[in-house]
Amino acid sequence: MIEENRTLLGRIYVVAVAILISFWCVVAAGSIKLRQLAGKLEETQVQLEDVMETVQGIEVDSLNETIRTLNKIIDPLRKLMGE
């Protein structure tokens, strides 16, 4: 009876250790994934800041003039194509 209890306790101990190891592996993998996502988020933020600087540097009047010029070019082409 005592030997059976020792064997059972040994098995329970092995299973408990295996569960703990599995748990910590999952935690470690999740931590690695979070670090990767944080890196990508930081990279995206830098890119967005660059885009914002570019957009702020564009003069609205100049952009409107460019659009008007393009429309002057595109309108006759649309008429030629029958649109």
C-alpha atoms as a PDB file:
ATOM      1  CA  MET A   1       0.000   0.000   0.000  1.00  0.00           C
ATOM      2  CA  ILE A   2       2.770   2.449   0.921  1.00  0.00           C
ATOM      3  CA  GLU A   3       4.720   1.496  -2.224  1.00  0.00           C
ATOM      4  CA  GLU A   4       1.614   2.119  -4.388  1.00  0.00           C
ATOM      5  CA  ASN A   5       1.175   5.544  -2.780  1.00  0.00           C
ATOM      6  CA  ARG A   6       4.820   6.413  -3.488  1.00  0.00           C
ATOM      7  CA  THR A   7       4.445   5.299  -7.102  1.00  0.00           C
ATOM      8  CA  LEU A   8       1.248   7.342  -7.457  1.00  0.00           C
ATOM      9  CA  LEU A   9       2.862  10.407  -5.852  1.00  0.00           C
ATOM     10  CA  GLY A  10       5.865  10.006  -8.169  1.00  0.00           C
ATOM     11  CA  ARG A  11       3.577   9.941 -11.203  1.00  0.00           C
ATOM     12  CA  ILE A  12       1.659  12.965  -9.963  1.00  0.00           C
ATOM     13  CA  TYR A  13       4.960  14.793  -9.432  1.00  0.00           C
ATOM     14  CA  VAL A  14       6.147  13.971 -12.964  1.00  0.00           C
ATOM     15  CA  VAL A  15       2.840  15.145 -14.467  1.00  0.00           C
ATOM     16  CA  ALA A  16       2.921  18.346 -12.391  1.00  0.00           C
ATOM     17  CA  VAL A  17       6.483  19.121 -13.506  1.00  0.00           C
ATOM     18  CA  ALA A  18       5.530  18.451 -17.150  1.00  0.00           C
ATOM     19  CA  ILE A  19       2.540  20.792 -16.852  1.00  0.00           C
ATOM     20  CA  LEU A  20       4.725  23.531 -15.333  1.00  0.00           C
ATOM     21  CA  ILE A  21       7.327  23.163 -18.075  1.00  0.00           C
ATOM     22  CA  SER A  22       4.609  23.318 -20.745  1.00  0.00           C
ATOM     23  CA  PHE A  23       3.083  26.393 -19.116  1.00  0.00           C
ATOM     24  CA  TRP A  24       6.414  28.241 -19.049  1.00  0.00           C
ATOM     25  CA  CYS A  25       7.087  27.307 -22.686  1.00  0.00           C
ATOM     26  CA  VAL A  26       3.736  28.844 -23.666  1.00  0.00           C
ATOM     27  CA  VAL A  27       4.498  31.958 -21.605  1.00  0.00           C
ATOM     28  CA  ALA A  28       7.936  32.292 -23.201  1.00  0.00           C
ATOM     29  CA  ALA A  29       6.513  31.876 -26.718  1.00  0.00           C
ATOM     30  CA  GLY A  30       3.840  34.483 -25.993  1.00  0.00           C
ATOM     31  CA  SER A  31       6.464  36.871 -24.674  1.00  0.00           C
ATOM     32  CA  ILE A  32       8.562  36.470 -27.812  1.00  0.00           C
ATOM     33  CA  LYS A  33       5.509  37.097 -30.012  1.00  0.00           C
ATOM     34  CA  LEU A  34       4.613  40.218 -28.006  1.00  0.00           C
ATOM     35  CA  ARG A  35       8.140  41.575 -28.448  1.00  0.00           C
ATOM     36  CA  GLN A  36       7.917  40.967 -32.199  1.00  0.00           C
ATOM     37  CA  LEU A  37       4.565  42.758 -32.386  1.00  0.00           C
ATOM     38  CA  ALA A  38       5.926  45.663 -30.338  1.00  0.00           C
ATOM     39  CA  GLY A  39       8.847  45.963 -32.763  1.00  0.00           C
ATOM     40  CA  LYS A  40       6.515  46.001 -35.753  1.00  0.00           C
ATOM     41  CA  LEU A  41       4.297  48.568 -34.048  1.00  0.00           C
ATOM     42  CA  GLU A  42       7.275  50.818 -33.401  1.00  0.00           C
ATOM     43  CA  GLU A  43       8.364  50.434 -37.035  1.00  0.00           C
ATOM     44  CA  THR A  44       4.860  51.356 -38.233  1.00  0.00           C
ATOM     45  CA  GLN A  45       4.810  54.379 -35.948  1.00  0.00           C
ATOM     46  CA  VAL A  46       8.087  55.648 -37.426  1.00  0.00           C
ATOM     47  CA  GLN A  47       6.706  55.168 -40.952  1.00  0.00           C
ATOM     48  CA  LEU A  48       3.505  57.036 -40.047  1.00  0.00           C
ATOM     49  CA  GLU A  49       5.548  59.906 -38.633  1.00  0.00           C
ATOM     50  CA  ASP A  50       7.461  60.081 -41.921  1.00  0.00           C
ATOM     51  CA  VAL A  51       4.185  60.118 -43.867  1.00  0.00           C
ATOM     52  CA  MET A  52       2.797  62.868 -41.643  1.00  0.00           C
ATOM     53  CA  GLU A  53       5.916  64.992 -42.211  1.00  0.00           C
ATOM     54  CA  THR A  54       5.555  64.494 -45.964  1.00  0.00           C
ATOM     55  CA  VAL A  55       1.846  65.353 -45.935  1.00  0.00           C
ATOM     56  CA  GLN A  56       2.457  68.448 -43.827  1.00  0.00           C
ATOM     57  CA  GLY A  57       5.127  69.552 -46.298  1.00  0.00           C
ATOM     58  CA  ILE A  58       2.723  69.513 -49.262  1.00  0.00           C
ATOM     59  CA  GLU A  59       1.209  72.857 -50.036  1.00  0.00           C
ATOM     60  CA  VAL A  60      -2.524  72.626 -50.610  1.00  0.00           C
ATOM     61  CA  ASP A  61      -2.572  75.313 -53.291  1.00  0.00           C
ATOM     62  CA  SER A  62       0.167  73.578 -55.224  1.00  0.00           C
ATOM     63  CA  LEU A  63      -1.679  70.262 -54.948  1.00  0.00           C
ATOM     64  CA  ASN A  64      -4.937  71.811 -56.153  1.00  0.00           C
ATOM     65  CA  GLU A  65      -3.157  73.359 -59.123  1.00  0.00           C
ATOM     66  CA  THR A  66      -1.644  69.981 -59.996  1.00  0.00           C
ATOM     67  CA  ILE A  67      -5.075  68.337 -59.851  1.00  0.00           C
ATOM     68  CA  ARG A  68      -6.553  71.000 -62.132  1.00  0.00           C
ATOM     69  CA  THR A  69      -3.718  70.513 -64.613  1.00  0.00           C
ATOM     70  CA  LEU A  70      -4.210  66.742 -64.583  1.00  0.00           C
ATOM     71  CA  ASN A  71      -7.948  67.181 -65.113  1.00  0.00           C
ATOM     72  CA  LYS A  72      -7.225  69.413 -68.129  1.00  0.00           C
ATOM     73  CA  ILE A  73      -5.158  66.579 -69.573  1.00  0.00           C
ATOM     74  CA  ILE A  74      -7.516  63.748 -68.622  1.00  0.00           C
ATOM     75  CA  ASP A  75     -10.827  65.341 -69.715  1.00  0.00           C
ATOM     76  CA  PRO A  76      -9.982  65.402 -73.446  1.00  0.00           C
ATOM     77  CA  LEU A  77      -8.728  61.817 -73.202  1.00  0.00           C
ATOM     78  CA  ARG A  78     -12.023  60.745 -71.616  1.00  0.00           C
ATOM     79  CA  LYS A  79     -13.909  62.384 -74.475  1.00  0.00           C
ATOM     80  CA  LEU A  80     -11.754  60.556 -77.001  1.00  0.00           C
ATOM     81  CA  MET A  81     -12.434  57.242 -75.300  1.00  0.00           C
ATOM     82  CA  GLY A  82     -16.165  57.959 -75.127  1.00  0.00           C
ATOM     83  CA  GLU A  83     -16.580  58.115 -71.370  1.00  0.00           C
END
